[in-house]
């Protein structure tokens, strides 16, 4: 089993905040990592509750009285999105303990929904909690296991969910991903109180897979599903909040050019993308029209997983087809323009250079599937995904 990287941010948060929320999609390894942290890095007693277990939910019939019992302990609460009303109780308990002098972490909260979805309740833990996201396996995690033999193709094809990536065969990985998609639409989404027919959500998710890496017309999708534009927008936001879809926003700087204003839509895990598109073999992926957009999403997810909140990310496209796949900006001093290519011999379109002038890019890169780093015309550097992530880490 490949261990999840224990990000120092998690330990720092546990040392400095009374509550820490570790968020991410289901089956990504949050529970395993939480138990590892409790066993090896926490000096006080810990307790664990799983809100999917009826027995644990029953203990919360008088939640405030029950949770008071865990004074001077670290309480891990799993699947918090099932009881967002606990935020109000946790806030009172935290404030009481802070006044009593308890400064280290009191609650480690695990959730399979975004911060925005969790905070739909009237109470938040603002100033008392730090939110961190655990993503599926990334290139640095897998590369760290075998730097010399690392090949990103398996991670790209199967995706980064541990049970998919570590499956004994591609067929077992495929079966796990099929079960995962079915479970999400049939059980997980309804469990959160979101009453959407499973067949309709699966169809919507599949339609997004066919539009992967593009701007989507929600009105047209709505017509196909026989629902309104507002309803399809709600479906999209749900999949975004559950970490299944990424909406990459357009660049918001100043330019006289006519910009495309709608977000680009990506299925975040490429293994799930390939499953939704019924691409069950790697050779089939290489011959499929989505291959370029799939590699683009793989690179973008790995880059954004490495990115701290000091940076912002967007894309750039004009009506004249000048385009940058990914723009990274930091403190108005760094503006990186990134073109993503699957080819081992990448070529750059003239629209990329034009777009770089429009945004006044300070650095220009082509992130490609090879490993050699070399200069290209116009001040562009070609660099492999592993080296680019290391470069980004040093620049943070």
Protein backbone atom coordinates (compact mmCIF):
# COMPACT_ATOMS: atom_id res chain seq x y z
CA UNK A 1 0.00 0.00 0.00
CA UNK A 2 1.37 3.42 -0.94
CA UNK A 3 1.05 5.75 2.09
CA UNK A 4 -0.56 9.13 1.64
CA UNK A 5 1.92 11.98 1.91
CA UNK A 6 1.51 13.56 5.33
CA UNK A 7 1.49 17.23 4.37
CA UNK A 8 3.18 19.38 7.01
CA UNK A 9 0.22 21.76 6.71
CA UNK A 10 -1.97 19.18 8.48
CA UNK A 11 0.35 18.88 11.47
CA UNK A 12 0.84 22.64 11.66
CA UNK A 13 -2.92 23.14 11.62
CA UNK A 14 -3.43 20.59 14.40
CA UNK A 15 -0.85 22.40 16.51
CA UNK A 16 -2.30 25.88 15.99
CA UNK A 17 -6.08 25.52 15.45
CA UNK A 18 -8.77 24.06 17.73
CA UNK A 19 -10.47 22.41 14.75
CA UNK A 20 -9.12 21.08 11.46
CA UNK A 21 -11.30 19.90 8.57
CA UNK A 22 -9.75 17.43 6.14
CA UNK A 23 -11.95 17.42 3.05
CA UNK A 24 -11.89 15.45 -0.18
CA UNK A 25 -13.87 12.94 -2.22
CA UNK A 26 -14.98 9.62 -0.81
CA UNK A 27 -12.46 6.76 -0.91
CA UNK A 28 -9.49 9.11 -1.17
CA UNK A 29 -7.89 8.02 2.12
CA UNK A 30 -9.04 10.64 4.63
CA UNK A 31 -9.98 8.13 7.36
CA UNK A 32 -6.77 6.13 7.01
CA UNK A 33 -4.67 9.29 7.16
CA UNK A 34 -6.61 10.60 10.18
CA UNK A 35 -5.98 7.38 12.13
CA UNK A 36 -2.28 7.49 11.17
CA UNK A 37 -2.03 11.06 12.43
CA UNK A 38 -3.79 10.16 15.68
CA UNK A 39 -1.55 7.14 16.26
CA UNK A 40 1.81 8.72 15.48
CA UNK A 41 1.60 12.51 15.82
CA UNK A 42 -0.91 13.32 18.56
CA UNK A 43 0.21 13.31 22.20
CA UNK A 44 -3.24 13.11 23.76
CA UNK A 45 -5.99 10.52 23.74
CA UNK A 46 -8.10 10.33 20.59
CA UNK A 47 -11.61 9.10 19.83
CA UNK A 48 -13.35 8.38 16.52
CA UNK A 49 -16.94 8.72 15.30
CA UNK A 50 -18.28 7.74 11.88
CA UNK A 51 -21.56 9.49 11.10
CA UNK A 52 -22.42 6.80 8.54
CA UNK A 53 -22.78 4.31 11.40
CA UNK A 54 -26.24 4.23 12.93
CA UNK A 55 -24.75 3.53 16.36
CA UNK A 56 -22.65 6.69 16.26
CA UNK A 57 -25.52 8.79 14.96
CA UNK A 58 -27.69 7.53 17.80
CA UNK A 59 -25.18 8.85 20.32
CA UNK A 60 -25.81 12.34 18.93
CA UNK A 61 -29.48 12.47 19.90
CA UNK A 62 -28.26 14.92 22.56
CA UNK A 63 -25.16 15.97 20.65
CA UNK A 64 -23.94 18.71 22.95
CA UNK A 65 -24.01 16.54 26.07
CA UNK A 66 -22.30 13.66 24.27
CA UNK A 67 -19.53 15.78 22.71
CA UNK A 68 -18.74 17.42 26.06
CA UNK A 69 -17.42 14.05 27.21
CA UNK A 70 -14.31 14.36 25.02
CA UNK A 71 -12.62 17.17 26.93
CA UNK A 72 -8.81 17.13 26.57
CA UNK A 73 -9.09 14.61 23.72
CA UNK A 74 -8.86 14.83 19.96
CA UNK A 75 -12.20 13.73 18.54
CA UNK A 76 -12.21 12.61 14.90
CA UNK A 77 -15.66 13.01 13.32
CA UNK A 78 -15.96 11.28 9.94
CA UNK A 79 -18.45 12.21 7.17
CA UNK A 80 -19.36 15.49 8.83
CA UNK A 81 -21.43 16.58 5.81
CA UNK A 82 -24.18 14.28 7.09
CA UNK A 83 -24.65 16.50 10.17
CA UNK A 84 -23.73 20.11 9.28
CA UNK A 85 -25.84 21.24 12.25
CA UNK A 86 -22.97 20.12 14.49
CA UNK A 87 -21.10 23.30 13.57
CA UNK A 88 -23.20 25.30 16.03
CA UNK A 89 -22.47 22.88 18.89
CA UNK A 90 -18.77 22.60 18.04
CA UNK A 91 -18.44 26.37 18.06
CA UNK A 92 -19.74 26.61 21.63
CA UNK A 93 -17.57 23.74 22.85
CA UNK A 94 -14.45 25.18 21.24
CA UNK A 95 -15.01 28.63 22.73
CA UNK A 96 -15.54 27.13 26.19
CA UNK A 97 -12.35 25.10 25.97
CA UNK A 98 -10.31 28.01 24.65
CA UNK A 99 -11.37 30.09 27.64
CA UNK A 100 -10.28 27.18 29.86
CA UNK A 101 -6.83 27.25 28.26
CA UNK A 102 -7.04 24.27 25.86
CA UNK A 103 -5.06 25.42 22.83
CA UNK A 104 -4.21 22.29 20.81
CA UNK A 105 -6.52 20.59 18.33
CA UNK A 106 -9.84 19.44 19.77
CA UNK A 107 -11.61 18.21 16.63
CA UNK A 108 -10.38 16.65 13.38
CA UNK A 109 -13.35 16.76 11.03
CA UNK A 110 -13.46 14.62 7.88
CA UNK A 111 -15.86 15.48 5.08
CA UNK A 112 -16.64 14.36 1.54
CA UNK A 113 -18.06 17.71 0.49
CA UNK A 114 -16.58 21.15 -0.07
CA UNK A 115 -16.24 23.87 2.51
CA UNK A 116 -19.05 25.82 0.83
CA UNK A 117 -21.46 22.89 1.06
CA UNK A 118 -20.55 22.19 4.68
CA UNK A 119 -21.12 25.83 5.62
CA UNK A 120 -24.67 26.02 4.33
CA UNK A 121 -25.76 25.88 7.95
CA UNK A 122 -26.23 29.22 9.69
CA UNK A 123 -23.21 28.65 11.97
CA UNK A 124 -19.59 28.43 10.86
CA UNK A 125 -16.36 27.96 12.74
CA UNK A 126 -14.72 31.06 11.29
CA UNK A 127 -11.47 31.81 13.10
CA UNK A 128 -11.55 28.43 14.84
CA UNK A 129 -10.97 26.02 11.96
CA UNK A 130 -8.58 25.40 9.10
CA UNK A 131 -9.78 23.63 5.95
CA UNK A 132 -7.41 21.34 4.05
CA UNK A 133 -8.09 19.16 1.02
CA UNK A 134 -6.84 15.62 0.50
CA UNK A 135 -6.75 14.78 -3.18
CA UNK A 136 -6.35 11.45 -4.98
CA UNK A 137 -2.80 10.20 -5.54
CA UNK A 138 -0.64 12.79 -7.28
CA UNK A 139 2.51 12.54 -9.38
CA UNK A 140 4.87 13.48 -6.48
CA UNK A 141 3.39 10.75 -4.23
CA UNK A 142 3.83 8.02 -6.82
CA UNK A 143 7.16 9.37 -8.06
CA UNK A 144 8.51 9.32 -4.49
CA UNK A 145 8.00 5.52 -4.32
CA UNK A 146 10.17 4.78 -7.38
CA UNK A 147 11.84 7.88 -8.86
CA UNK A 148 13.85 5.98 -11.46
CA UNK A 149 11.05 3.71 -12.66
CA UNK A 150 8.20 6.21 -12.46
CA UNK A 151 5.87 6.32 -15.47
CA UNK A 152 2.87 8.64 -15.18
CA UNK A 153 0.76 6.67 -17.69
CA UNK A 154 -0.70 4.24 -15.13
CA UNK A 155 -1.71 7.12 -12.83
CA UNK A 156 -3.15 9.06 -15.77
CA UNK A 157 -5.14 6.09 -17.09
CA UNK A 158 -6.45 4.64 -13.82
CA UNK A 159 -6.73 7.92 -11.92
CA UNK A 160 -5.54 8.64 -8.42
CA UNK A 161 -8.11 6.98 -6.16
CA UNK A 162 -6.01 4.53 -4.13
CA UNK A 163 -8.15 1.42 -4.77
CA UNK A 164 -8.27 2.16 -8.49
CA UNK A 165 -4.57 2.90 -8.87
CA UNK A 166 -3.44 -0.01 -6.68
CA UNK A 167 -5.81 -2.60 -8.19
CA UNK A 168 -4.17 -5.87 -9.27
CA UNK A 169 -5.21 -5.36 -12.91
CA UNK A 170 -6.80 -2.83 -15.23
CA UNK A 171 -9.99 -4.91 -15.15
CA UNK A 172 -10.18 -4.70 -11.34
CA UNK A 173 -9.47 -0.98 -11.49
CA UNK A 174 -12.27 -0.58 -14.04
CA UNK A 175 -14.71 -2.52 -11.87
CA UNK A 176 -13.87 -0.39 -8.83
CA UNK A 177 -14.44 2.84 -10.76
CA UNK A 178 -17.76 1.57 -12.14
CA UNK A 179 -18.91 0.72 -8.62
CA UNK A 180 -17.72 4.11 -7.39
CA UNK A 181 -19.76 6.04 -9.97
CA UNK A 182 -22.86 3.94 -9.26
CA UNK A 183 -22.48 4.42 -5.52
CA UNK A 184 -22.15 8.18 -5.89
CA UNK A 185 -25.32 8.67 -7.90
CA UNK A 186 -27.41 6.00 -6.13
CA UNK A 187 -26.34 6.45 -2.50
CA UNK A 188 -23.93 9.28 -1.69
CA UNK A 189 -25.74 12.18 -3.34
CA UNK A 190 -29.19 11.20 -1.96
CA UNK A 191 -27.61 10.61 1.47
CA UNK A 192 -26.81 14.32 1.62
CA UNK A 193 -30.45 15.20 1.12
CA UNK A 194 -30.06 16.02 -2.57
CA UNK A 195 -33.05 14.40 -4.24
CA UNK A 196 -31.89 13.87 -7.82
CA UNK A 197 -32.85 10.79 -9.84
CA UNK A 198 -29.77 8.57 -10.08
CA UNK A 199 -30.25 7.90 -13.79
CA UNK A 200 -30.45 11.62 -14.55
CA UNK A 201 -27.35 12.48 -12.53
CA UNK A 202 -25.38 9.68 -14.19
CA UNK A 203 -26.48 10.92 -17.60
CA UNK A 204 -25.51 14.50 -16.72
CA UNK A 205 -22.12 13.37 -15.42
CA UNK A 206 -21.53 11.40 -18.62
CA UNK A 207 -22.50 14.39 -20.76
CA UNK A 208 -19.93 16.49 -18.89
CA UNK A 209 -17.33 13.80 -19.62
CA UNK A 210 -18.04 14.14 -23.34
CA UNK A 211 -17.57 17.93 -22.98
CA UNK A 212 -14.45 17.55 -20.83
CA UNK A 213 -12.01 20.46 -21.16
CA UNK A 214 -14.58 22.72 -22.85
CA UNK A 215 -17.01 25.47 -21.94
CA UNK A 216 -20.48 23.95 -21.59
CA UNK A 217 -23.87 25.26 -22.62
CA UNK A 218 -26.05 24.42 -19.64
CA UNK A 219 -29.22 25.39 -21.46
CA UNK A 220 -28.54 22.82 -24.20
CA UNK A 221 -27.72 20.16 -21.63
CA UNK A 222 -30.91 21.04 -19.78
CA UNK A 223 -32.97 20.51 -22.92
CA UNK A 224 -31.47 17.05 -23.36
CA UNK A 225 -32.26 16.21 -19.74
CA UNK A 226 -35.67 17.91 -19.90
CA UNK A 227 -34.82 20.20 -16.98
CA UNK A 228 -34.20 23.93 -16.69
CA UNK A 229 -30.93 25.82 -17.01
CA UNK A 230 -31.13 26.52 -13.27
CA UNK A 231 -31.43 22.81 -12.51
CA UNK A 232 -28.42 21.88 -14.64
CA UNK A 233 -26.44 24.64 -12.93
CA UNK A 234 -27.42 23.08 -9.60
CA UNK A 235 -26.29 19.64 -10.81
CA UNK A 236 -22.95 21.09 -11.91
CA UNK A 237 -22.41 22.82 -8.59
CA UNK A 238 -23.23 19.60 -6.72
CA UNK A 239 -20.60 17.62 -8.62
CA UNK A 240 -18.15 20.46 -8.05
CA UNK A 241 -18.86 20.53 -4.31
CA UNK A 242 -18.36 16.75 -4.15
CA UNK A 243 -14.90 17.09 -5.80
CA UNK A 244 -15.93 15.26 -8.94
CA UNK A 245 -15.81 18.24 -11.34
CA UNK A 246 -13.56 21.28 -11.59
CA UNK A 247 -14.75 24.58 -12.99
CA UNK A 248 -11.62 26.43 -14.12
CA UNK A 249 -12.49 30.10 -14.22
CA UNK A 250 -11.48 32.49 -17.03
CA UNK A 251 -8.73 35.05 -16.52
CA UNK A 252 -10.08 38.23 -14.95
CA UNK A 253 -7.34 40.74 -15.80
CA UNK A 254 -7.58 43.82 -17.97
CA UNK A 255 -7.39 43.49 -21.73
CA UNK A 256 -9.09 45.04 -24.72
CA UNK A 257 -9.62 41.62 -26.26
CA UNK A 258 -13.02 39.90 -26.22
CA UNK A 259 -12.61 37.08 -23.74
CA UNK A 260 -14.55 33.86 -23.32
CA UNK A 261 -16.21 34.35 -19.93
CA UNK A 262 -17.58 30.91 -19.01
CA UNK A 263 -15.53 28.35 -17.03
CA UNK A 264 -13.92 25.28 -18.55
CA UNK A 265 -15.29 22.03 -17.14
CA UNK A 266 -13.06 19.09 -16.23
CA UNK A 267 -13.77 15.70 -14.68
CA UNK A 268 -11.16 15.98 -11.95
CA UNK A 269 -10.03 12.36 -11.81
CA UNK A 270 -8.99 11.06 -15.21
CA UNK A 271 -9.69 7.46 -14.19
CA UNK A 272 -13.33 8.37 -13.63
CA UNK A 273 -13.34 10.34 -16.89
CA UNK A 274 -12.18 7.27 -18.80
CA UNK A 275 -14.78 5.11 -17.06
CA UNK A 276 -17.61 7.50 -17.91
CA UNK A 277 -16.45 7.50 -21.54
CA UNK A 278 -16.15 3.67 -21.57
CA UNK A 279 -12.42 3.77 -22.34
CA UNK A 280 -11.35 0.52 -20.71
CA UNK A 281 -7.89 0.00 -22.23
CA UNK A 282 -4.89 2.30 -22.42
CA UNK A 283 -4.45 1.72 -26.16
CA UNK A 284 -8.06 2.81 -26.65
CA UNK A 285 -7.34 6.04 -24.77
CA UNK A 286 -4.41 6.85 -27.04
CA UNK A 287 -6.69 6.65 -30.08
CA UNK A 288 -9.64 8.48 -28.52
CA UNK A 289 -10.49 12.13 -29.36
CA UNK A 290 -10.41 12.99 -25.63
CA UNK A 291 -6.75 11.99 -25.20
CA UNK A 292 -5.39 15.54 -25.34
CA UNK A 293 -8.03 17.00 -23.03
CA UNK A 294 -7.58 14.06 -20.64
CA UNK A 295 -3.83 14.67 -20.36
CA UNK A 296 -4.55 18.39 -19.92
CA UNK A 297 -6.82 17.65 -16.96
CA UNK A 298 -4.26 15.25 -15.49
CA UNK A 299 -1.57 17.93 -15.62
CA UNK A 300 -3.84 20.68 -14.31
CA UNK A 301 -5.04 18.62 -11.33
CA UNK A 302 -1.48 17.77 -10.37
CA UNK A 303 -0.37 21.37 -10.72
CA UNK A 304 -3.26 22.72 -8.66
CA UNK A 305 -2.69 20.03 -6.03
CA UNK A 306 0.83 21.42 -5.60
CA UNK A 307 -0.31 25.04 -5.59
CA UNK A 308 -0.57 26.96 -2.31
CA UNK A 309 -3.26 29.55 -1.72
CA UNK A 310 -0.70 32.26 -2.47
CA UNK A 311 -1.44 31.58 -6.14
CA UNK A 312 -4.55 31.91 -8.27
CA UNK A 313 -5.34 29.79 -11.33
CA UNK A 314 -7.35 30.52 -14.47
CA UNK A 315 -7.34 30.01 -18.22
CA UNK A 316 -7.34 32.49 -21.12
CA UNK A 317 -9.21 32.36 -24.40
CA UNK A 318 -10.31 35.13 -26.74
CA UNK A 319 -12.92 35.09 -29.46
CA UNK A 320 -9.97 35.16 -31.88
CA UNK A 321 -8.70 31.83 -30.45
CA UNK A 322 -5.68 33.16 -28.59
CA UNK A 323 -5.44 30.71 -25.72
CA UNK A 324 -3.50 29.69 -22.62
CA UNK A 325 -4.44 26.40 -20.97
CA UNK A 326 -3.48 27.50 -17.47
CA UNK A 327 -2.41 30.79 -15.93
CA UNK A 328 -0.81 30.89 -12.47
CA UNK A 329 -0.54 34.28 -10.76
CA UNK A 330 1.10 35.27 -7.48
CA UNK A 331 1.11 38.69 -5.80
CA UNK A 332 0.87 40.52 -9.14
CA UNK A 333 4.58 39.78 -9.60
CA UNK A 334 4.49 36.31 -11.10
CA UNK A 335 2.30 35.43 -14.07
CA UNK A 336 3.05 32.01 -15.51
CA UNK A 337 1.51 30.96 -18.81
CA UNK A 338 1.31 27.18 -19.25
CA UNK A 339 0.52 25.23 -22.41
CA UNK A 340 -0.13 21.52 -21.84
CA UNK A 341 0.75 18.98 -24.53
CA UNK A 342 0.53 15.21 -24.61
CA UNK A 343 3.06 14.97 -27.46
CA UNK A 344 6.68 14.12 -26.71
CA UNK A 345 7.61 16.69 -29.38
CA UNK A 346 5.33 19.61 -28.46
CA UNK A 347 4.52 22.38 -30.90
CA UNK A 348 3.14 25.78 -29.90
CA UNK A 349 0.43 27.65 -31.77
CA UNK A 350 0.82 31.34 -32.51
CA UNK A 351 -2.24 32.08 -30.36
CA UNK A 352 -0.29 31.08 -27.26
CA UNK A 353 2.37 33.73 -27.89
CA UNK A 354 -0.28 36.36 -28.54
CA UNK A 355 -2.09 35.46 -25.33
CA UNK A 356 1.18 35.65 -23.37
CA UNK A 357 1.62 39.23 -24.59
CA UNK A 358 -1.97 40.04 -23.61
CA UNK A 359 -1.50 38.92 -20.01
CA UNK A 360 2.14 40.08 -19.79
CA UNK A 361 3.38 36.67 -18.74
CA UNK A 362 6.60 36.68 -16.73
CA UNK A 363 7.34 33.00 -17.49
CA UNK A 364 6.13 30.69 -20.24
CA UNK A 365 6.09 26.90 -20.16
CA UNK A 366 4.99 23.89 -22.13
CA UNK A 367 4.29 21.01 -19.75
CA UNK A 368 4.50 17.82 -21.79
CA UNK A 369 4.72 14.05 -21.43
CA UNK A 370 8.50 13.83 -21.79
CA UNK A 371 11.23 14.30 -19.20
CA UNK A 372 13.85 16.46 -20.91
CA UNK A 373 13.85 20.21 -20.22
CA UNK A 374 14.72 22.41 -23.17
CA UNK A 375 14.15 25.93 -24.51
CA UNK A 376 11.71 26.75 -27.30
CA UNK A 377 11.20 29.90 -29.32
CA UNK A 378 9.77 33.04 -27.76
CA UNK A 379 11.22 32.43 -24.29
CA UNK A 380 9.17 29.28 -23.71
CA UNK A 381 10.58 26.35 -21.72
CA UNK A 382 9.43 22.78 -22.33
CA UNK A 383 9.44 20.77 -19.12
CA UNK A 384 8.09 17.40 -17.96
CA UNK A 385 5.35 17.17 -15.36
CA UNK A 386 7.62 15.90 -12.54
CA UNK A 387 10.20 18.65 -12.96
CA UNK A 388 7.56 21.34 -13.38
CA UNK A 389 5.93 20.38 -10.06
CA UNK A 390 9.33 20.56 -8.36
CA UNK A 391 9.93 23.96 -9.96
CA UNK A 392 6.55 25.20 -8.74
CA UNK A 393 7.27 23.96 -5.24
CA UNK A 394 10.52 25.93 -5.13
CA UNK A 395 8.77 29.07 -6.37
CA UNK A 396 6.13 29.02 -3.63
